[in-house]
Amino acid sequence: MSYWYIIVVILFVIVAGALVRRSIRGAIFESMPLLPGESVLLQETGLKVFQKIREASGGQSLTSRVTVLLTDRRILVATGGPEGKHKFFMKMILDYRTPAPPVEDTGYGAYYEKFQLEKGYSSYYISPSDVRFVEKKGQLAVHIKVPFPEHGAFYLEPEVIIYTQQPQRYGEVFGLSHSMPPANS
C-alpha cells in the first residue's frame, strides 16, 4: 500500500514540475526585454525584492540576488544574469507610463487578465502617486502599491518593495526627492 502512495506522489511531482516549467518558458530572456527607444536610467544587481499578491496568509515572497533595471518607462525585475553569461528569469515589470487596461472580471480572473500572467510574469501598471519611500530593516526602500480595484474578496492590491542602493535615483524619476527620508550613515 505504501509503495502506491510513493508512486502517486512521485508522478504528481513530475507532472507538476512539467506544468510549472511549461508555464514559465515565456519568462526566460537572453537579455532584458527593452522596448524600442527605451533608455536605461539605472541598473542594479544583487538586490532584494519583496512581492505580495494576496492577503497576508499567502502570495508573498522575498527574492534575493535580483537585477533591477529602471528605464524611462518601466522598472524591470529579473533573477539570473548577468547578460551574456546566464539567461534572465523575469519576475515582473512595473510600467509607470502606460495606463492599466480595463477588465470586467473580478478576483483571480481580473488579476490574470489585467496583469497579463499568460506571459509567465506580472506586468503591473502604476503611476508616480503609487510610489513612496519606506525604511525597512534599517535600509531605505522603494514601496509600490499597485492599484487593483477589481480585486474582489480574496485578492488585495499587489505590493512591491525594492531594497535599492540608490533611492535618490527613484526619487528623481517619480518626483519624490522632497519626501525622501534621510538615509542612515
Protein backbone atom coordinates (compact mmCIF):
# COMPACT_ATOMS: atom_id res chain seq x y z
CA MET A 1 0.00 0.00 0.00
CA SER A 2 2.75 2.47 0.87
CA TYR A 3 4.50 1.80 -2.47
CA TRP A 4 1.43 3.01 -4.37
CA TYR A 5 1.38 6.17 -2.29
CA ILE A 6 5.04 6.86 -3.08
CA ILE A 7 4.49 6.20 -6.80
CA VAL A 8 1.49 8.56 -6.89
CA VAL A 9 3.46 11.30 -5.09
CA ILE A 10 6.41 10.92 -7.49
CA LEU A 11 4.09 11.09 -10.52
CA PHE A 12 2.37 14.14 -9.07
CA VAL A 13 5.72 15.91 -8.56
CA ILE A 14 6.84 15.09 -12.11
CA VAL A 15 3.60 16.32 -13.68
CA ALA A 16 3.53 19.46 -11.51
CA GLY A 17 7.15 20.23 -12.39
CA ALA A 18 6.43 19.81 -16.11
CA LEU A 19 3.41 22.13 -15.89
CA VAL A 20 5.31 24.80 -13.98
CA ARG A 21 8.25 24.63 -16.40
CA ARG A 22 5.90 24.88 -19.35
CA SER A 23 4.12 27.88 -17.86
CA ILE A 24 7.35 29.89 -17.28
CA ARG A 25 9.02 29.39 -20.65
CA GLY A 26 7.82 32.79 -21.83
CA ALA A 27 9.53 34.44 -18.87
CA ILE A 28 13.11 33.50 -19.80
CA PHE A 29 15.15 36.02 -21.79
CA GLU A 30 18.69 36.16 -23.15
CA SER A 31 18.82 39.87 -22.24
CA MET A 32 16.43 42.29 -20.56
CA PRO A 33 13.40 42.95 -22.83
CA LEU A 34 13.74 46.66 -23.57
CA LEU A 35 11.22 48.37 -25.83
CA PRO A 36 12.40 50.29 -28.91
CA GLY A 37 13.59 53.73 -27.83
CA GLU A 38 13.56 52.85 -24.13
CA SER A 39 16.52 54.29 -22.20
CA VAL A 40 18.12 52.67 -19.15
CA LEU A 41 18.44 55.16 -16.28
CA LEU A 42 19.79 52.77 -13.62
CA GLN A 43 20.80 49.12 -13.41
CA GLU A 44 21.35 47.43 -10.05
CA THR A 45 22.23 43.83 -9.33
CA GLY A 46 22.20 41.79 -6.15
CA LEU A 47 19.12 43.49 -4.69
CA LYS A 48 16.28 42.08 -2.62
CA VAL A 49 12.70 42.50 -3.85
CA PHE A 50 9.58 41.71 -1.83
CA GLN A 51 6.35 40.95 -3.71
CA LYS A 52 2.91 40.48 -2.17
CA ILE A 53 0.00 39.50 -4.39
CA ARG A 54 -2.65 38.25 -1.95
CA GLU A 55 -3.64 38.50 1.68
CA ALA A 56 -1.02 38.11 4.40
CA SER A 57 -1.72 34.37 4.62
CA GLY A 58 -0.12 33.69 1.25
CA GLY A 59 1.11 35.03 -2.04
CA GLN A 60 4.21 36.81 -0.85
CA SER A 61 7.88 36.28 -1.49
CA LEU A 62 11.26 37.89 -0.82
CA THR A 63 13.71 37.27 -3.65
CA SER A 64 17.44 37.90 -3.27
CA ARG A 65 20.09 38.49 -5.96
CA VAL A 66 17.70 40.34 -8.24
CA THR A 67 18.62 42.54 -11.19
CA VAL A 68 16.54 45.71 -11.43
CA LEU A 69 16.52 47.96 -14.49
CA LEU A 70 14.97 51.41 -14.11
CA THR A 71 14.17 52.83 -17.53
CA ASP A 72 12.40 55.97 -18.66
CA ARG A 73 9.13 53.94 -18.94
CA ARG A 74 9.33 50.86 -16.72
CA ILE A 75 11.04 49.00 -13.91
CA LEU A 76 12.16 45.51 -14.97
CA VAL A 77 12.80 42.97 -12.21
CA ALA A 78 14.54 39.69 -13.03
CA THR A 79 16.69 37.00 -11.48
CA GLY A 80 19.63 35.42 -13.24
CA GLY A 81 22.07 37.19 -15.49
CA PRO A 82 24.47 38.86 -15.96
CA GLU A 83 23.89 39.36 -19.66
CA GLY A 84 25.95 37.07 -21.81
CA LYS A 85 26.57 34.50 -19.05
CA HIS A 86 23.14 33.36 -17.86
CA LYS A 87 19.57 33.88 -19.02
CA PHE A 88 17.25 36.21 -17.15
CA PHE A 89 14.09 34.91 -15.49
CA MET A 90 11.63 37.80 -15.50
CA LYS A 91 9.86 38.29 -12.14
CA MET A 92 7.78 41.35 -13.03
CA ILE A 93 7.60 44.58 -14.97
CA LEU A 94 6.29 47.77 -13.36
CA ASP A 95 5.10 50.12 -16.11
CA TYR A 96 4.70 53.72 -14.94
CA ARG A 97 3.90 55.28 -18.34
CA THR A 98 1.09 53.03 -19.65
CA PRO A 99 -2.42 53.21 -18.17
CA ALA A 100 -3.81 49.96 -16.77
CA PRO A 101 -6.04 48.03 -19.16
CA PRO A 102 -9.71 47.85 -18.13
CA VAL A 103 -11.07 44.45 -17.10
CA GLU A 104 -14.65 43.38 -16.46
CA ASP A 105 -13.99 40.36 -14.24
CA THR A 106 -13.09 40.37 -10.52
CA GLY A 107 -10.80 38.24 -8.36
CA TYR A 108 -8.33 35.87 -10.00
CA GLY A 109 -9.83 36.31 -13.48
CA ALA A 110 -9.27 40.05 -13.28
CA TYR A 111 -5.78 39.56 -11.81
CA TYR A 112 -4.79 37.13 -14.58
CA GLU A 113 -6.13 39.37 -17.35
CA LYS A 114 -5.11 42.80 -16.03
CA PHE A 115 -1.54 41.88 -15.13
CA GLN A 116 -1.02 39.62 -18.19
CA LEU A 117 0.08 36.48 -16.34
CA GLU A 118 -0.05 34.43 -19.53
CA LYS A 119 3.45 35.78 -20.28
CA GLY A 120 4.82 33.97 -17.23
CA TYR A 121 5.34 37.12 -15.13
CA SER A 122 3.26 40.06 -13.91
CA SER A 123 3.08 43.38 -15.76
CA TYR A 124 1.93 45.91 -13.16
CA TYR A 125 0.66 49.33 -14.21
CA ILE A 126 1.44 52.09 -11.74
CA SER A 127 1.66 55.86 -11.54
CA PRO A 128 4.14 58.02 -9.62
CA SER A 129 1.49 58.51 -6.90
CA ASP A 130 1.66 54.74 -6.14
CA VAL A 131 5.36 55.00 -5.20
CA ARG A 132 6.77 56.09 -1.85
CA PHE A 133 9.86 55.57 0.27
CA VAL A 134 9.88 53.43 3.40
CA GLU A 135 12.57 52.36 5.81
CA LYS A 136 12.70 48.58 6.17
CA LYS A 137 15.22 46.82 8.37
CA GLY A 138 17.42 49.90 8.54
CA GLN A 139 17.52 50.31 4.76
CA LEU A 140 15.71 52.83 2.57
CA ALA A 141 13.42 51.03 0.12
CA VAL A 142 11.02 51.90 -2.70
CA HIS A 143 7.47 50.79 -1.83
CA ILE A 144 4.98 50.42 -4.67
CA LYS A 145 1.29 49.68 -4.09
CA VAL A 146 -0.25 48.56 -7.39
CA PRO A 147 -3.82 49.81 -7.94
CA PHE A 148 -6.24 46.90 -8.39
CA PRO A 149 -9.85 47.99 -7.74
CA GLU A 150 -11.16 44.74 -9.27
CA HIS A 151 -9.51 42.60 -6.57
CA GLY A 152 -12.71 41.02 -5.23
CA ALA A 153 -12.91 39.33 -1.84
CA PHE A 154 -9.74 37.19 -1.97
CA TYR A 155 -7.12 39.36 -3.68
CA LEU A 156 -5.70 42.61 -2.35
CA GLU A 157 -3.76 45.24 -4.21
CA PRO A 158 -0.29 43.86 -5.05
CA GLU A 159 2.70 45.42 -3.30
CA VAL A 160 6.35 45.52 -4.32
CA ILE A 161 9.28 46.67 -2.19
CA ILE A 162 12.64 47.21 -3.90
CA TYR A 163 15.59 47.35 -1.48
CA THR A 164 17.68 49.67 -3.64
CA GLN A 165 21.16 51.07 -3.06
CA GLN A 166 20.25 54.29 -4.94
CA PRO A 167 16.85 55.52 -3.70
CA GLN A 168 17.61 59.08 -4.80
CA ARG A 169 17.51 57.95 -8.45
CA TYR A 170 14.00 56.54 -8.00
CA GLY A 171 13.07 59.77 -6.20
CA GLU A 172 14.18 61.80 -9.22
CA VAL A 173 12.20 59.62 -11.64
CA PHE A 174 8.99 59.62 -9.58
CA GLY A 175 9.29 63.21 -8.33
CA LEU A 176 9.68 62.15 -4.70
CA SER A 177 13.05 63.66 -3.81
CA HIS A 178 11.45 66.12 -1.43
CA SER A 179 9.77 63.35 0.61
CA MET A 180 12.75 61.01 0.86
CA PRO A 181 13.65 60.29 4.48
CA PRO A 182 17.30 60.78 5.44
CA ALA A 183 19.50 57.73 4.85
CA ASN A 184 21.29 56.21 7.82
CA SER A 185 25.04 56.71 7.81
